[in-house]
N, C-alpha and C. Protein backbone atom coordinates (compact mmCIF):
# COMPACT_ATOMS: atom_id res chain seq x y z
N MET A 1 -12.18 -1.80 -2.90
CA MET A 1 -10.85 -2.27 -2.51
C MET A 1 -10.82 -2.50 -1.00
N PRO A 2 -10.39 -3.69 -0.55
CA PRO A 2 -10.27 -3.94 0.89
C PRO A 2 -9.27 -2.97 1.52
N LYS A 3 -9.26 -2.93 2.83
CA LYS A 3 -8.32 -2.06 3.53
C LYS A 3 -6.89 -2.48 3.21
N PRO A 4 -5.93 -1.54 3.32
CA PRO A 4 -4.54 -1.87 2.98
C PRO A 4 -4.00 -3.04 3.80
N LEU A 5 -3.19 -3.86 3.16
CA LEU A 5 -2.46 -4.90 3.86
C LEU A 5 -1.26 -4.24 4.53
N LYS A 6 -1.22 -4.28 5.85
CA LYS A 6 -0.20 -3.57 6.61
C LYS A 6 0.93 -4.52 7.00
N THR A 7 2.14 -4.15 6.57
CA THR A 7 3.32 -4.94 6.89
C THR A 7 4.23 -4.13 7.81
N CYS A 8 4.69 -4.77 8.87
CA CYS A 8 5.69 -4.16 9.74
C CYS A 8 7.01 -4.89 9.54
N PHE A 9 8.03 -4.15 9.10
CA PHE A 9 9.36 -4.71 8.93
C PHE A 9 10.17 -4.43 10.20
N VAL A 10 10.58 -5.47 10.87
CA VAL A 10 11.35 -5.35 12.11
C VAL A 10 12.82 -5.56 11.77
N VAL A 11 13.62 -4.52 11.98
CA VAL A 11 15.03 -4.57 11.60
C VAL A 11 15.92 -4.68 12.84
N PHE A 12 16.98 -5.43 12.70
CA PHE A 12 17.99 -5.60 13.74
C PHE A 12 19.31 -5.01 13.22
N PRO A 13 20.17 -4.51 14.10
CA PRO A 13 21.46 -3.97 13.65
C PRO A 13 22.20 -4.97 12.76
N GLY A 14 22.72 -4.46 11.64
CA GLY A 14 23.45 -5.31 10.71
C GLY A 14 22.58 -6.02 9.70
N PHE A 15 21.29 -5.65 9.62
CA PHE A 15 20.41 -6.30 8.65
C PHE A 15 20.82 -5.92 7.22
N PRO A 16 20.63 -6.79 6.23
CA PRO A 16 20.96 -6.46 4.84
C PRO A 16 19.94 -5.48 4.27
N ARG A 17 20.38 -4.31 3.86
CA ARG A 17 19.45 -3.30 3.36
C ARG A 17 18.72 -3.77 2.11
N ALA A 18 19.40 -4.59 1.29
CA ALA A 18 18.75 -5.09 0.07
C ALA A 18 17.52 -5.91 0.39
N CYS A 19 17.53 -6.58 1.53
CA CYS A 19 16.37 -7.39 1.90
C CYS A 19 15.16 -6.51 2.22
N LEU A 20 15.42 -5.31 2.74
CA LEU A 20 14.32 -4.39 3.01
C LEU A 20 13.80 -3.78 1.72
N THR A 21 14.68 -3.25 0.89
CA THR A 21 14.23 -2.58 -0.33
C THR A 21 13.58 -3.57 -1.30
N SER A 22 14.06 -4.80 -1.33
CA SER A 22 13.47 -5.78 -2.24
C SER A 22 12.06 -6.16 -1.84
N ARG A 23 11.74 -6.02 -0.57
CA ARG A 23 10.38 -6.31 -0.11
C ARG A 23 9.46 -5.10 -0.25
N VAL A 24 10.00 -3.89 -0.02
CA VAL A 24 9.16 -2.69 -0.01
C VAL A 24 8.89 -2.15 -1.41
N GLU A 25 9.92 -2.08 -2.25
CA GLU A 25 9.76 -1.43 -3.55
C GLU A 25 8.68 -2.06 -4.44
N PRO A 26 8.55 -3.38 -4.50
CA PRO A 26 7.44 -3.93 -5.29
C PRO A 26 6.07 -3.51 -4.75
N LEU A 27 5.94 -3.39 -3.44
CA LEU A 27 4.66 -2.96 -2.86
C LEU A 27 4.36 -1.52 -3.24
N ARG A 28 5.39 -0.68 -3.19
CA ARG A 28 5.21 0.73 -3.61
C ARG A 28 4.78 0.80 -5.06
N ALA A 29 5.45 0.02 -5.92
CA ALA A 29 5.11 0.03 -7.34
C ALA A 29 3.70 -0.50 -7.58
N ALA A 30 3.31 -1.51 -6.83
CA ALA A 30 1.96 -2.07 -6.99
C ALA A 30 0.90 -1.03 -6.64
N ASN A 31 1.15 -0.25 -5.60
CA ASN A 31 0.21 0.83 -5.27
C ASN A 31 0.10 1.83 -6.41
N GLU A 32 1.26 2.20 -6.96
CA GLU A 32 1.27 3.20 -8.03
C GLU A 32 0.60 2.67 -9.29
N ILE A 33 0.91 1.45 -9.67
CA ILE A 33 0.34 0.88 -10.89
C ILE A 33 -1.17 0.70 -10.76
N SER A 34 -1.61 0.25 -9.60
CA SER A 34 -3.04 -0.03 -9.41
C SER A 34 -3.85 1.21 -9.07
N GLY A 35 -3.16 2.31 -8.74
CA GLY A 35 -3.87 3.53 -8.35
C GLY A 35 -4.61 3.38 -7.03
N THR A 36 -4.10 2.49 -6.17
CA THR A 36 -4.73 2.22 -4.88
C THR A 36 -3.68 2.29 -3.78
N GLU A 37 -4.14 2.17 -2.56
CA GLU A 37 -3.24 2.00 -1.42
C GLU A 37 -3.44 0.58 -0.89
N ALA A 38 -3.16 -0.39 -1.75
CA ALA A 38 -3.38 -1.78 -1.39
C ALA A 38 -2.43 -2.25 -0.30
N PHE A 39 -1.27 -1.58 -0.22
CA PHE A 39 -0.25 -2.00 0.74
C PHE A 39 0.22 -0.81 1.57
N GLY A 40 0.42 -1.06 2.84
CA GLY A 40 1.04 -0.08 3.72
C GLY A 40 2.16 -0.75 4.48
N TRP A 41 3.13 0.03 4.94
CA TRP A 41 4.27 -0.55 5.66
C TRP A 41 4.86 0.46 6.62
N ARG A 42 5.57 -0.06 7.60
CA ARG A 42 6.31 0.78 8.54
C ARG A 42 7.53 0.00 9.01
N LEU A 43 8.43 0.71 9.63
CA LEU A 43 9.70 0.14 10.08
C LEU A 43 9.74 0.16 11.60
N SER A 44 10.09 -0.98 12.17
CA SER A 44 10.14 -1.11 13.62
C SER A 44 11.47 -1.73 14.02
N ALA A 45 11.82 -1.54 15.30
CA ALA A 45 13.02 -2.14 15.87
C ALA A 45 12.77 -2.33 17.36
N GLU A 46 13.61 -3.10 17.99
CA GLU A 46 13.44 -3.26 19.43
C GLU A 46 13.53 -1.90 20.13
N THR A 47 14.43 -1.05 19.65
CA THR A 47 14.53 0.33 20.14
C THR A 47 14.31 1.25 18.96
N PRO A 48 13.28 2.11 18.98
CA PRO A 48 13.06 3.00 17.83
C PRO A 48 14.21 3.98 17.66
N GLY A 49 14.37 4.44 16.43
CA GLY A 49 15.48 5.33 16.10
C GLY A 49 16.29 4.73 14.99
N GLN A 50 17.52 5.18 14.84
CA GLN A 50 18.35 4.72 13.74
C GLN A 50 18.88 3.30 13.97
N VAL A 51 18.75 2.49 12.92
CA VAL A 51 19.31 1.13 12.92
C VAL A 51 20.22 1.04 11.71
N THR A 52 21.47 0.67 11.93
CA THR A 52 22.45 0.64 10.86
C THR A 52 22.47 -0.73 10.19
N SER A 53 22.38 -0.71 8.87
CA SER A 53 22.37 -1.95 8.10
C SER A 53 23.79 -2.47 7.91
N SER A 54 23.90 -3.64 7.27
CA SER A 54 25.22 -4.24 7.02
C SER A 54 26.06 -3.38 6.08
N ALA A 55 25.40 -2.55 5.26
CA ALA A 55 26.11 -1.65 4.34
C ALA A 55 26.47 -0.32 5.01
N ARG A 56 26.25 -0.23 6.30
CA ARG A 56 26.54 0.97 7.10
C ARG A 56 25.66 2.15 6.71
N VAL A 57 24.51 1.85 6.16
CA VAL A 57 23.49 2.86 5.87
C VAL A 57 22.43 2.75 6.96
N ALA A 58 22.13 3.87 7.61
CA ALA A 58 21.18 3.85 8.72
C ALA A 58 19.76 4.08 8.23
N PHE A 59 18.82 3.39 8.84
CA PHE A 59 17.40 3.55 8.58
C PHE A 59 16.72 3.94 9.88
N GLU A 60 15.68 4.76 9.76
CA GLU A 60 14.97 5.24 10.94
C GLU A 60 13.77 4.35 11.22
N ALA A 61 13.82 3.64 12.34
CA ALA A 61 12.68 2.85 12.78
C ALA A 61 11.73 3.75 13.54
N ASP A 62 10.47 3.78 13.10
CA ASP A 62 9.55 4.77 13.66
C ASP A 62 8.75 4.26 14.85
N THR A 63 8.90 2.99 15.19
CA THR A 63 8.17 2.49 16.34
C THR A 63 8.93 1.34 16.99
N ALA A 64 8.69 1.15 18.26
CA ALA A 64 9.29 0.04 18.99
C ALA A 64 8.51 -1.24 18.72
N LEU A 65 9.20 -2.35 18.67
CA LEU A 65 8.55 -3.64 18.46
C LEU A 65 7.45 -3.86 19.49
N ALA A 66 7.69 -3.48 20.72
CA ALA A 66 6.71 -3.69 21.78
C ALA A 66 5.41 -2.93 21.55
N ALA A 67 5.46 -1.89 20.71
CA ALA A 67 4.27 -1.08 20.43
C ALA A 67 3.51 -1.55 19.20
N VAL A 68 3.98 -2.60 18.54
CA VAL A 68 3.33 -3.10 17.33
C VAL A 68 2.19 -4.03 17.73
N HIS A 69 0.97 -3.69 17.30
CA HIS A 69 -0.19 -4.51 17.66
C HIS A 69 -1.14 -4.75 16.50
N HIS A 70 -1.07 -3.97 15.44
CA HIS A 70 -2.14 -4.00 14.44
C HIS A 70 -1.66 -4.32 13.03
N SER A 71 -0.53 -4.95 12.86
CA SER A 71 -0.06 -5.31 11.52
C SER A 71 -0.71 -6.61 11.05
N ASP A 72 -0.84 -6.74 9.74
CA ASP A 72 -1.30 -8.00 9.16
C ASP A 72 -0.15 -8.98 9.00
N LEU A 73 1.02 -8.44 8.70
CA LEU A 73 2.21 -9.26 8.46
C LEU A 73 3.40 -8.59 9.11
N LEU A 74 4.19 -9.37 9.82
CA LEU A 74 5.40 -8.87 10.47
C LEU A 74 6.59 -9.63 9.91
N VAL A 75 7.58 -8.90 9.38
CA VAL A 75 8.72 -9.51 8.69
C VAL A 75 10.00 -9.13 9.41
N LEU A 76 10.80 -10.13 9.80
CA LEU A 76 12.06 -9.90 10.49
C LEU A 76 13.20 -9.84 9.48
N LEU A 77 14.07 -8.82 9.64
CA LEU A 77 15.23 -8.63 8.77
C LEU A 77 16.45 -8.50 9.67
N SER A 78 17.42 -9.39 9.48
CA SER A 78 18.57 -9.37 10.39
C SER A 78 19.73 -10.14 9.79
N ALA A 79 20.87 -9.99 10.44
CA ALA A 79 21.98 -10.90 10.21
C ALA A 79 21.68 -12.20 10.96
N PRO A 80 22.33 -13.31 10.59
CA PRO A 80 22.05 -14.57 11.29
C PRO A 80 22.47 -14.57 12.75
N THR A 81 23.34 -13.65 13.11
CA THR A 81 23.83 -13.58 14.50
C THR A 81 22.94 -12.73 15.40
N ALA A 82 21.86 -12.16 14.88
CA ALA A 82 21.03 -11.25 15.66
C ALA A 82 20.44 -11.95 16.88
N GLN A 83 20.45 -11.23 17.99
CA GLN A 83 19.86 -11.71 19.23
C GLN A 83 18.88 -10.65 19.74
N PHE A 84 17.85 -11.08 20.43
CA PHE A 84 16.94 -10.14 21.07
C PHE A 84 17.66 -9.48 22.24
N THR A 85 17.55 -8.17 22.34
CA THR A 85 18.23 -7.43 23.41
C THR A 85 17.26 -6.90 24.45
N HIS A 86 15.96 -6.93 24.15
CA HIS A 86 14.96 -6.44 25.09
C HIS A 86 14.17 -7.61 25.66
N PRO A 87 14.05 -7.68 26.98
CA PRO A 87 13.22 -8.74 27.54
C PRO A 87 11.77 -8.56 27.09
N GLY A 88 11.17 -9.63 26.74
CA GLY A 88 9.78 -9.58 26.31
C GLY A 88 9.58 -9.51 24.81
N SER A 89 10.64 -9.26 24.03
CA SER A 89 10.47 -9.15 22.57
C SER A 89 9.96 -10.45 21.96
N ALA A 90 10.60 -11.55 22.33
CA ALA A 90 10.20 -12.84 21.75
C ALA A 90 8.77 -13.19 22.18
N ALA A 91 8.45 -12.92 23.45
CA ALA A 91 7.10 -13.21 23.93
C ALA A 91 6.06 -12.35 23.21
N HIS A 92 6.43 -11.11 22.90
CA HIS A 92 5.50 -10.24 22.17
C HIS A 92 5.25 -10.78 20.77
N LEU A 93 6.28 -11.28 20.11
CA LEU A 93 6.09 -11.88 18.79
C LEU A 93 5.17 -13.09 18.87
N ARG A 94 5.34 -13.90 19.88
CA ARG A 94 4.48 -15.08 20.04
C ARG A 94 3.02 -14.66 20.28
N SER A 95 2.85 -13.58 21.05
CA SER A 95 1.50 -13.08 21.29
C SER A 95 0.85 -12.59 19.99
N LEU A 96 1.61 -11.85 19.18
CA LEU A 96 1.09 -11.38 17.89
C LEU A 96 0.70 -12.57 17.00
N ARG A 97 1.53 -13.57 16.99
CA ARG A 97 1.26 -14.76 16.19
C ARG A 97 -0.04 -15.42 16.64
N ARG A 98 -0.21 -15.56 17.96
CA ARG A 98 -1.43 -16.18 18.49
C ARG A 98 -2.68 -15.37 18.13
N HIS A 99 -2.52 -14.06 17.98
CA HIS A 99 -3.65 -13.19 17.69
C HIS A 99 -3.85 -12.98 16.18
N GLY A 100 -3.22 -13.83 15.37
CA GLY A 100 -3.55 -13.85 13.95
C GLY A 100 -2.62 -13.10 13.03
N VAL A 101 -1.53 -12.51 13.56
CA VAL A 101 -0.58 -11.82 12.70
C VAL A 101 0.27 -12.85 11.94
N SER A 102 0.34 -12.72 10.63
CA SER A 102 1.22 -13.57 9.85
C SER A 102 2.67 -13.15 10.10
N MET A 103 3.58 -14.09 10.02
CA MET A 103 4.98 -13.83 10.31
C MET A 103 5.84 -14.18 9.10
N GLY A 104 6.95 -13.47 8.96
CA GLY A 104 7.85 -13.74 7.87
C GLY A 104 9.27 -13.33 8.20
N ALA A 105 10.17 -13.69 7.30
CA ALA A 105 11.58 -13.33 7.46
C ALA A 105 12.24 -13.43 6.10
N VAL A 106 13.29 -12.63 5.93
CA VAL A 106 14.11 -12.70 4.72
C VAL A 106 15.54 -12.98 5.14
N SER A 107 16.17 -13.91 4.47
CA SER A 107 17.57 -14.24 4.67
C SER A 107 17.85 -14.56 6.15
N GLY A 108 18.79 -13.84 6.78
CA GLY A 108 19.15 -14.12 8.16
C GLY A 108 18.05 -13.88 9.16
N GLY A 109 16.96 -13.24 8.73
CA GLY A 109 15.84 -13.01 9.62
C GLY A 109 15.17 -14.28 10.13
N VAL A 110 15.44 -15.42 9.46
CA VAL A 110 14.85 -16.66 9.96
C VAL A 110 15.44 -17.06 11.30
N PHE A 111 16.63 -16.57 11.64
CA PHE A 111 17.26 -16.94 12.91
C PHE A 111 16.47 -16.37 14.10
N PRO A 112 16.23 -15.04 14.18
CA PRO A 112 15.39 -14.56 15.28
C PRO A 112 13.95 -15.06 15.18
N LEU A 113 13.46 -15.32 13.98
CA LEU A 113 12.11 -15.86 13.82
C LEU A 113 11.98 -17.18 14.56
N VAL A 114 12.94 -18.07 14.35
CA VAL A 114 12.90 -19.37 15.01
C VAL A 114 13.24 -19.22 16.49
N ARG A 115 14.19 -18.35 16.82
CA ARG A 115 14.53 -18.14 18.23
C ARG A 115 13.32 -17.66 19.04
N ALA A 116 12.44 -16.88 18.40
CA ALA A 116 11.27 -16.36 19.09
C ALA A 116 10.21 -17.43 19.32
N GLY A 117 10.33 -18.55 18.63
CA GLY A 117 9.37 -19.63 18.81
C GLY A 117 8.05 -19.41 18.11
N VAL A 118 8.06 -18.66 16.99
CA VAL A 118 6.81 -18.38 16.29
C VAL A 118 6.63 -19.23 15.03
N SER A 119 7.63 -20.01 14.70
CA SER A 119 7.55 -20.79 13.45
C SER A 119 7.03 -22.20 13.65
N GLY A 120 6.79 -22.59 14.91
CA GLY A 120 6.31 -23.94 15.16
C GLY A 120 7.27 -24.96 14.61
N ASN A 121 6.73 -25.96 13.96
CA ASN A 121 7.57 -26.96 13.31
C ASN A 121 7.48 -26.85 11.80
N LYS A 122 7.16 -25.61 11.32
CA LYS A 122 7.02 -25.39 9.89
C LYS A 122 8.39 -25.13 9.26
N PRO A 123 8.64 -25.64 8.04
CA PRO A 123 9.92 -25.39 7.40
C PRO A 123 10.07 -23.92 7.02
N VAL A 124 11.29 -23.41 7.14
CA VAL A 124 11.60 -22.04 6.75
C VAL A 124 12.67 -22.07 5.67
N ALA A 125 12.61 -21.12 4.76
CA ALA A 125 13.59 -21.03 3.68
C ALA A 125 14.90 -20.48 4.25
N VAL A 126 15.95 -21.24 4.15
CA VAL A 126 17.26 -20.85 4.70
C VAL A 126 18.24 -20.67 3.54
N HIS A 127 18.83 -19.49 3.47
CA HIS A 127 19.83 -19.22 2.42
C HIS A 127 20.94 -20.26 2.52
N TRP A 128 21.38 -20.74 1.37
CA TRP A 128 22.36 -21.83 1.37
C TRP A 128 23.63 -21.49 2.15
N CYS A 129 24.02 -20.21 2.18
CA CYS A 129 25.27 -19.88 2.89
C CYS A 129 25.09 -19.89 4.41
N TYR A 130 23.83 -19.93 4.88
CA TYR A 130 23.56 -19.98 6.32
C TYR A 130 23.11 -21.37 6.77
N LYS A 131 23.05 -22.31 5.85
CA LYS A 131 22.46 -23.61 6.17
C LYS A 131 23.19 -24.32 7.31
N ALA A 132 24.52 -24.35 7.27
CA ALA A 132 25.27 -25.04 8.32
C ALA A 132 25.05 -24.36 9.67
N ALA A 133 25.07 -23.03 9.69
CA ALA A 133 24.86 -22.30 10.94
C ALA A 133 23.45 -22.53 11.47
N PHE A 134 22.47 -22.55 10.57
CA PHE A 134 21.08 -22.78 10.99
C PHE A 134 20.93 -24.17 11.60
N GLU A 135 21.48 -25.16 10.94
CA GLU A 135 21.35 -26.52 11.45
C GLU A 135 22.10 -26.70 12.76
N ALA A 136 23.20 -25.95 12.95
CA ALA A 136 23.92 -26.02 14.22
C ALA A 136 23.11 -25.37 15.35
N ASP A 137 22.46 -24.24 15.04
CA ASP A 137 21.68 -23.53 16.06
C ASP A 137 20.34 -24.21 16.34
N PHE A 138 19.74 -24.79 15.29
CA PHE A 138 18.39 -25.35 15.42
C PHE A 138 18.36 -26.76 14.80
N PRO A 139 19.03 -27.71 15.43
CA PRO A 139 19.15 -29.04 14.81
C PRO A 139 17.83 -29.76 14.61
N ASP A 140 16.81 -29.38 15.37
CA ASP A 140 15.53 -30.08 15.27
C ASP A 140 14.48 -29.33 14.45
N HIS A 141 14.86 -28.18 13.92
CA HIS A 141 13.89 -27.39 13.17
C HIS A 141 14.04 -27.64 11.68
N PRO A 142 12.93 -27.91 10.97
CA PRO A 142 13.05 -28.18 9.52
C PRO A 142 13.43 -26.92 8.74
N SER A 143 14.40 -27.09 7.86
CA SER A 143 14.80 -26.00 6.97
C SER A 143 14.50 -26.42 5.54
N SER A 144 14.41 -25.42 4.67
CA SER A 144 14.09 -25.67 3.27
C SER A 144 15.15 -25.04 2.39
N ASP A 145 15.48 -25.72 1.30
CA ASP A 145 16.42 -25.16 0.33
C ASP A 145 15.69 -24.47 -0.81
N GLN A 146 14.38 -24.23 -0.64
CA GLN A 146 13.62 -23.52 -1.66
C GLN A 146 13.84 -22.01 -1.55
N VAL A 147 13.55 -21.32 -2.64
CA VAL A 147 13.71 -19.87 -2.67
C VAL A 147 12.74 -19.19 -1.71
N ILE A 148 11.47 -19.63 -1.73
CA ILE A 148 10.50 -19.11 -0.78
C ILE A 148 9.70 -20.27 -0.20
N GLU A 149 9.24 -20.08 1.03
CA GLU A 149 8.36 -21.04 1.69
C GLU A 149 7.15 -20.28 2.23
N VAL A 150 5.97 -20.76 1.92
CA VAL A 150 4.74 -20.16 2.42
C VAL A 150 3.93 -21.28 3.05
N THR A 151 3.80 -21.24 4.38
CA THR A 151 3.11 -22.31 5.09
C THR A 151 2.39 -21.74 6.31
N ASP A 152 1.08 -21.88 6.35
CA ASP A 152 0.30 -21.55 7.54
C ASP A 152 0.64 -20.17 8.10
N ARG A 153 0.46 -19.13 7.29
CA ARG A 153 0.72 -17.74 7.70
C ARG A 153 2.18 -17.51 8.07
N LEU A 154 3.07 -18.33 7.52
CA LEU A 154 4.51 -18.17 7.74
C LEU A 154 5.16 -18.03 6.37
N LEU A 155 5.80 -16.86 6.11
CA LEU A 155 6.35 -16.57 4.79
C LEU A 155 7.84 -16.25 4.94
N THR A 156 8.69 -17.10 4.37
CA THR A 156 10.12 -16.88 4.47
C THR A 156 10.77 -16.90 3.09
N ALA A 157 11.83 -16.11 2.96
CA ALA A 157 12.52 -15.98 1.68
C ALA A 157 14.03 -16.07 1.91
N ALA A 158 14.71 -16.81 1.03
CA ALA A 158 16.13 -17.09 1.21
C ALA A 158 16.99 -16.08 0.45
N GLY A 159 16.95 -14.81 0.90
CA GLY A 159 17.80 -13.80 0.27
C GLY A 159 16.99 -12.65 -0.29
N ALA A 160 17.71 -11.57 -0.68
CA ALA A 160 17.05 -10.34 -1.12
C ALA A 160 16.23 -10.54 -2.39
N ALA A 161 16.80 -11.21 -3.39
CA ALA A 161 16.05 -11.44 -4.63
C ALA A 161 14.84 -12.32 -4.37
N ALA A 162 14.98 -13.27 -3.45
CA ALA A 162 13.85 -14.10 -3.08
C ALA A 162 12.79 -13.27 -2.35
N GLY A 163 13.23 -12.25 -1.60
CA GLY A 163 12.28 -11.35 -0.96
C GLY A 163 11.45 -10.61 -2.00
N PHE A 164 12.06 -10.24 -3.13
CA PHE A 164 11.31 -9.62 -4.23
C PHE A 164 10.24 -10.58 -4.74
N ASP A 165 10.61 -11.85 -4.92
CA ASP A 165 9.64 -12.85 -5.36
C ASP A 165 8.51 -12.98 -4.35
N MET A 166 8.85 -12.90 -3.08
CA MET A 166 7.82 -13.00 -2.05
C MET A 166 6.83 -11.84 -2.17
N SER A 167 7.34 -10.63 -2.40
CA SER A 167 6.45 -9.49 -2.57
C SER A 167 5.56 -9.67 -3.80
N LEU A 168 6.12 -10.18 -4.90
CA LEU A 168 5.31 -10.44 -6.09
C LEU A 168 4.22 -11.46 -5.78
N HIS A 169 4.56 -12.47 -5.00
CA HIS A 169 3.59 -13.48 -4.60
C HIS A 169 2.42 -12.83 -3.86
N ILE A 170 2.72 -11.91 -2.93
CA ILE A 170 1.69 -11.23 -2.15
C ILE A 170 0.87 -10.31 -3.06
N ILE A 171 1.54 -9.60 -3.96
CA ILE A 171 0.84 -8.70 -4.88
C ILE A 171 -0.12 -9.49 -5.77
N GLU A 172 0.35 -10.61 -6.30
CA GLU A 172 -0.51 -11.43 -7.16
C GLU A 172 -1.74 -11.91 -6.40
N HIS A 173 -1.54 -12.33 -5.16
CA HIS A 173 -2.65 -12.83 -4.36
C HIS A 173 -3.67 -11.73 -4.09
N ARG A 174 -3.20 -10.50 -3.93
CA ARG A 174 -4.10 -9.40 -3.55
C ARG A 174 -4.65 -8.64 -4.75
N LEU A 175 -3.83 -8.43 -5.79
CA LEU A 175 -4.24 -7.58 -6.91
C LEU A 175 -4.33 -8.32 -8.24
N GLY A 176 -3.88 -9.57 -8.29
CA GLY A 176 -4.00 -10.34 -9.52
C GLY A 176 -2.69 -10.47 -10.29
N LYS A 177 -2.70 -11.39 -11.25
CA LYS A 177 -1.48 -11.72 -12.00
C LYS A 177 -1.00 -10.55 -12.85
N ALA A 178 -1.93 -9.80 -13.44
CA ALA A 178 -1.53 -8.72 -14.35
C ALA A 178 -0.73 -7.65 -13.62
N ILE A 179 -1.18 -7.25 -12.44
CA ILE A 179 -0.45 -6.23 -11.67
C ILE A 179 0.90 -6.77 -11.23
N ALA A 180 0.93 -8.02 -10.75
CA ALA A 180 2.20 -8.62 -10.33
C ALA A 180 3.19 -8.67 -11.49
N ALA A 181 2.71 -9.03 -12.68
CA ALA A 181 3.58 -9.10 -13.85
C ALA A 181 4.11 -7.73 -14.23
N GLU A 182 3.27 -6.70 -14.13
CA GLU A 182 3.72 -5.35 -14.47
C GLU A 182 4.76 -4.84 -13.47
N VAL A 183 4.54 -5.14 -12.20
CA VAL A 183 5.54 -4.77 -11.19
C VAL A 183 6.87 -5.43 -11.52
N ALA A 184 6.84 -6.71 -11.85
CA ALA A 184 8.07 -7.42 -12.19
C ALA A 184 8.77 -6.77 -13.38
N CYS A 185 7.99 -6.34 -14.37
CA CYS A 185 8.57 -5.69 -15.55
C CYS A 185 9.18 -4.34 -15.21
N TRP A 186 8.55 -3.60 -14.30
CA TRP A 186 9.12 -2.31 -13.87
C TRP A 186 10.56 -2.47 -13.42
N PHE A 187 10.83 -3.56 -12.73
CA PHE A 187 12.16 -3.77 -12.14
C PHE A 187 13.01 -4.73 -12.97
N GLN A 188 12.55 -5.04 -14.20
CA GLN A 188 13.26 -5.98 -15.05
C GLN A 188 13.56 -7.28 -14.32
N HIS A 189 12.54 -7.77 -13.64
CA HIS A 189 12.59 -9.04 -12.91
C HIS A 189 11.72 -10.02 -13.70
N PRO A 190 12.27 -10.61 -14.76
CA PRO A 190 11.43 -11.27 -15.77
C PRO A 190 10.78 -12.56 -15.33
N ILE A 191 11.33 -13.23 -14.32
CA ILE A 191 10.79 -14.51 -13.91
C ILE A 191 10.36 -14.43 -12.46
N MET A 192 9.09 -14.65 -12.21
CA MET A 192 8.57 -14.68 -10.85
C MET A 192 8.71 -16.10 -10.31
N ARG A 193 9.66 -16.28 -9.43
CA ARG A 193 9.88 -17.61 -8.86
C ARG A 193 8.82 -17.89 -7.79
N ARG A 194 8.24 -19.05 -7.88
CA ARG A 194 7.16 -19.41 -6.97
C ARG A 194 7.64 -20.48 -6.00
N GLU A 195 6.71 -20.95 -5.18
CA GLU A 195 7.03 -22.04 -4.27
C GLU A 195 7.47 -23.26 -5.07
N GLY A 196 8.37 -24.02 -4.50
CA GLY A 196 8.85 -25.22 -5.16
C GLY A 196 10.11 -25.02 -5.98
N VAL A 197 10.63 -23.79 -6.03
CA VAL A 197 11.86 -23.52 -6.77
C VAL A 197 13.05 -23.62 -5.83
N THR A 198 14.02 -24.46 -6.21
CA THR A 198 15.19 -24.69 -5.37
C THR A 198 16.23 -23.61 -5.60
N GLN A 199 16.91 -23.23 -4.52
CA GLN A 199 17.98 -22.23 -4.62
C GLN A 199 19.10 -22.74 -5.52
N VAL A 200 19.73 -21.79 -6.22
CA VAL A 200 20.92 -22.11 -7.01
C VAL A 200 22.14 -21.85 -6.12
N VAL A 201 23.06 -22.79 -6.10
CA VAL A 201 24.26 -22.66 -5.26
C VAL A 201 25.48 -22.75 -6.14
N PRO A 202 26.60 -22.16 -5.68
CA PRO A 202 27.82 -22.22 -6.50
C PRO A 202 28.32 -23.66 -6.66
N SER A 203 28.89 -23.93 -7.79
CA SER A 203 29.42 -25.29 -8.05
C SER A 203 30.84 -25.39 -7.52
């Protein structure tokens, strides 16, 4: 078994807690089902310590973003209004990207992802309810109405349930279809949505 795939989840105040649990829980289940430590993860923030989610539930970030150097994948979780509060945070993300770290975001996390300048001109999955705000903030950046977008080490998901699909996508790539399918069944997530699936919006 190769070394664990290490993911660092970077949370900003007001991030949706469902976006974090939907990404982490499938990885935990995949480890348990496979009897391996295929995946590892940690929680980071610009300032380590408690970060309060949109549901007013606090999570403990165990490391500062500036101290993150060795992750395979870094995923931003935030409200769309999140701004960097520490000088150098965006530059540090760009440095990690240049040194081979894959980048991702779930839901509103695409806003700081693009603000940091790490997405290049690659399309990112934007939740339909944030589409107008995204286009107003980033009129020249391509957005996607797909559930997930995976392009050139850039992985974005348009919402918490889409984040679950993203984790299944990663599990399938690393451990195979059978493990990914069993993880999906554990959570009664019967359909694994892949790239190319368009978001459903209210009529």
